[in-house]
Amino acid sequence: MPIRRLSPADTDLVAQFYREAPDYWLLAEGALDPDRQAREFFTDAPPGCDPAQSHRLGLFLDDRLSGVAELSHGFPDPGDAYLGLMILGPWAQGAGHGRRLLAHAEGLARGRGARRLYLAVLDANPRGRAFWLREGLRPTGIRRQDAVTGHGLERLVKDL
């Protein structure tokens, strides 16, 4: 189960992964636009973060892209890391691959001196929330409604 950095040269690969694993995007945005979402995977970052300094990770099973993650540094505070996205294909779920991808991201965050790892989970994603809680994240008490989608989001944190 290799995990490697992805680059904009992998945009078509990420788009194909999104076509094969559309569930998150259908839940989060109500629609799948894999080409746009793949381009944005390489350019999005939390407020105040430099997208060029973010880690874009791919998890591969038998040479097939089976998971993606985006890790930024400096949000919400300068010494923090933020996991903006982590998606596994349905064929990769339930076998410990998510735990390994998260551990890899945590290692990168620690390597950059991060004290905490943050993320936001959709209220509409109870399976995702249960995963994050099992992995040691806890609620921060910060919640918001997404102005575009109307989704409720809850920020979670894990001390590194």
Protein backbone atom coordinates (compact mmCIF):
# COMPACT_ATOMS: atom_id res chain seq x y z
CA MET A 1 0.00 0.00 0.00
CA PRO A 2 2.26 2.78 -1.17
CA ILE A 3 1.40 6.38 -0.39
CA ARG A 4 3.04 9.02 -2.54
CA ARG A 5 2.80 12.71 -3.24
CA LEU A 6 0.55 13.68 -6.11
CA SER A 7 1.25 16.61 -8.42
CA PRO A 8 -0.83 18.51 -10.97
CA ALA A 9 0.53 16.03 -13.53
CA ASP A 10 -1.75 13.50 -11.77
CA THR A 11 -4.93 15.55 -12.34
CA ASP A 12 -6.39 13.03 -14.82
CA LEU A 13 -5.64 10.19 -12.39
CA VAL A 14 -7.45 12.02 -9.56
CA ALA A 15 -10.40 12.78 -11.86
CA GLN A 16 -10.65 9.08 -12.75
CA PHE A 17 -10.55 8.19 -9.05
CA TYR A 18 -13.43 10.61 -8.40
CA ARG A 19 -15.42 8.98 -11.23
CA GLU A 20 -14.90 5.57 -9.63
CA ALA A 21 -15.58 6.84 -6.08
CA PRO A 22 -18.21 9.60 -6.40
CA ASP A 23 -19.94 9.12 -3.03
CA TYR A 24 -18.22 11.92 -1.10
CA TRP A 25 -18.77 14.52 -3.82
CA LEU A 26 -22.40 13.52 -4.28
CA LEU A 27 -22.89 13.90 -0.53
CA ALA A 28 -20.91 17.12 -0.13
CA GLU A 29 -21.84 18.98 -3.33
CA GLY A 30 -24.82 17.06 -4.65
CA ALA A 31 -23.08 16.58 -7.99
CA LEU A 32 -20.00 15.06 -9.51
CA ASP A 33 -17.72 17.18 -11.69
CA PRO A 34 -14.53 15.10 -11.53
CA ASP A 35 -12.43 17.27 -13.83
CA ARG A 36 -13.15 20.47 -11.86
CA GLN A 37 -12.86 18.74 -8.50
CA ALA A 38 -9.54 17.16 -9.49
CA ARG A 39 -8.14 20.55 -10.59
CA GLU A 40 -9.30 22.08 -7.30
CA PHE A 41 -7.63 19.25 -5.35
CA PHE A 42 -4.31 20.78 -6.40
CA THR A 43 -5.23 24.43 -5.80
CA ASP A 44 -7.52 24.55 -2.75
CA ALA A 45 -6.18 25.33 0.71
CA PRO A 46 -7.61 26.71 3.94
CA PRO A 47 -7.57 30.49 4.52
CA GLY A 48 -4.06 31.89 4.81
CA CYS A 49 -2.38 28.67 3.65
CA ASP A 50 -0.16 28.41 0.59
CA PRO A 51 -1.48 25.65 -1.69
CA ALA A 52 2.07 25.10 -2.96
CA GLN A 53 3.10 24.11 0.58
CA SER A 54 0.28 21.57 1.00
CA HIS A 55 0.76 17.83 0.72
CA ARG A 56 -1.41 16.12 -1.94
CA LEU A 57 -1.27 12.40 -1.24
CA GLY A 58 -2.37 9.33 -3.14
CA LEU A 59 -2.85 5.87 -1.66
CA PHE A 60 -2.32 3.08 -4.18
CA LEU A 61 -3.55 -0.51 -4.01
CA ASP A 62 -2.21 -2.75 -6.77
CA ASP A 63 -1.18 0.36 -8.75
CA ARG A 64 -4.75 1.73 -8.58
CA LEU A 65 -5.31 5.15 -7.00
CA SER A 66 -7.56 4.18 -4.09
CA GLY A 67 -7.44 7.20 -1.81
CA VAL A 68 -6.52 10.88 -1.77
CA ALA A 69 -5.71 13.32 1.00
CA GLU A 70 -4.81 17.01 1.20
CA LEU A 71 -2.84 18.31 4.20
CA SER A 72 -2.15 22.02 4.70
CA HIS A 73 -0.02 23.80 7.27
CA GLY A 74 -0.82 26.96 9.24
CA PHE A 75 -4.58 26.73 9.84
CA PRO A 76 -6.36 27.62 12.00
CA ASP A 77 -3.18 28.84 13.76
CA PRO A 78 0.40 29.00 12.46
CA GLY A 79 1.51 25.87 14.36
CA ASP A 80 -1.41 23.72 13.23
CA ALA A 81 -2.09 21.34 10.35
CA TYR A 82 -5.41 20.93 8.56
CA LEU A 83 -6.62 17.85 6.73
CA GLY A 84 -8.82 19.46 4.11
CA LEU A 85 -9.83 16.26 2.38
CA MET A 86 -9.42 12.52 2.74
CA ILE A 87 -11.39 10.13 0.54
CA LEU A 88 -11.05 6.37 0.09
CA GLY A 89 -12.65 4.43 -2.73
CA PRO A 90 -15.32 1.97 -1.58
CA TRP A 91 -13.00 -0.92 -2.55
CA ALA A 92 -10.39 0.40 -0.08
CA GLN A 93 -12.66 0.95 2.92
CA GLY A 94 -12.86 -1.28 5.96
CA ALA A 95 -9.35 -2.76 5.65
CA GLY A 96 -7.29 -0.27 7.68
CA HIS A 97 -6.18 1.81 4.70
CA GLY A 98 -7.83 4.97 6.04
CA ARG A 99 -5.99 4.57 9.33
CA ARG A 100 -2.69 4.21 7.44
CA LEU A 101 -3.33 7.23 5.24
CA LEU A 102 -4.24 9.30 8.29
CA ALA A 103 -1.11 8.13 10.13
CA HIS A 104 0.99 9.14 7.12
CA ALA A 105 -0.60 12.62 7.11
CA GLU A 106 -0.05 12.92 10.86
CA GLY A 107 3.62 12.04 10.38
CA LEU A 108 3.99 14.77 7.75
CA ALA A 109 2.28 17.26 10.07
CA ARG A 110 4.58 16.34 12.97
CA GLY A 111 7.57 16.64 10.64
CA ARG A 112 6.57 20.24 9.99
CA GLY A 113 6.27 20.91 13.74
CA ALA A 114 2.45 20.90 13.94
CA ARG A 115 1.05 20.56 17.43
CA ARG A 116 -2.50 19.78 16.35
CA LEU A 117 -4.33 18.33 13.36
CA TYR A 118 -7.72 19.79 12.49
CA LEU A 119 -10.42 18.82 10.01
CA ALA A 120 -14.10 19.46 9.38
CA VAL A 121 -16.66 16.70 9.04
CA LEU A 122 -20.07 17.04 7.42
CA ASP A 123 -23.07 16.42 9.67
CA ALA A 124 -24.43 14.39 6.74
CA ASN A 125 -21.46 11.99 7.03
CA PRO A 126 -21.97 9.98 10.25
CA ARG A 127 -19.69 7.15 9.05
CA GLY A 128 -16.90 9.64 8.46
CA ARG A 129 -17.45 11.24 11.86
CA ALA A 130 -17.35 7.83 13.56
CA PHE A 131 -14.04 7.06 11.80
CA TRP A 132 -12.47 10.34 12.94
CA LEU A 133 -13.60 9.83 16.53
CA ARG A 134 -12.20 6.27 16.54
CA GLU A 135 -8.89 7.70 15.33
CA GLY A 136 -8.62 10.03 18.32
CA LEU A 137 -10.05 13.28 17.00
CA ARG A 138 -12.43 15.16 19.25
CA PRO A 139 -14.97 17.96 18.77
CA THR A 140 -13.70 21.51 19.21
CA GLY A 141 -17.15 23.01 19.71
CA ILE A 142 -16.76 24.99 16.48
CA ARG A 143 -19.57 24.47 14.01
CA ARG A 144 -20.70 26.30 10.90
CA GLN A 145 -23.13 26.09 8.01
CA ASP A 146 -21.61 26.08 4.54
CA ALA A 147 -23.07 29.08 2.70
CA VAL A 148 -23.04 27.31 -0.67
CA THR A 149 -24.27 23.78 0.17
CA GLY A 150 -26.13 24.46 3.42
CA HIS A 151 -24.29 21.54 5.06
CA GLY A 152 -23.53 21.68 8.75
CA LEU A 153 -19.85 21.13 9.52
CA GLU A 154 -18.13 20.36 12.78
CA ARG A 155 -14.43 21.01 13.37
CA LEU A 156 -12.50 18.19 15.03
CA VAL A 157 -8.95 18.20 16.42
CA LYS A 158 -6.25 15.75 17.42
CA ASP A 159 -3.22 16.63 19.49
CA LEU A 160 -0.04 15.48 17.81
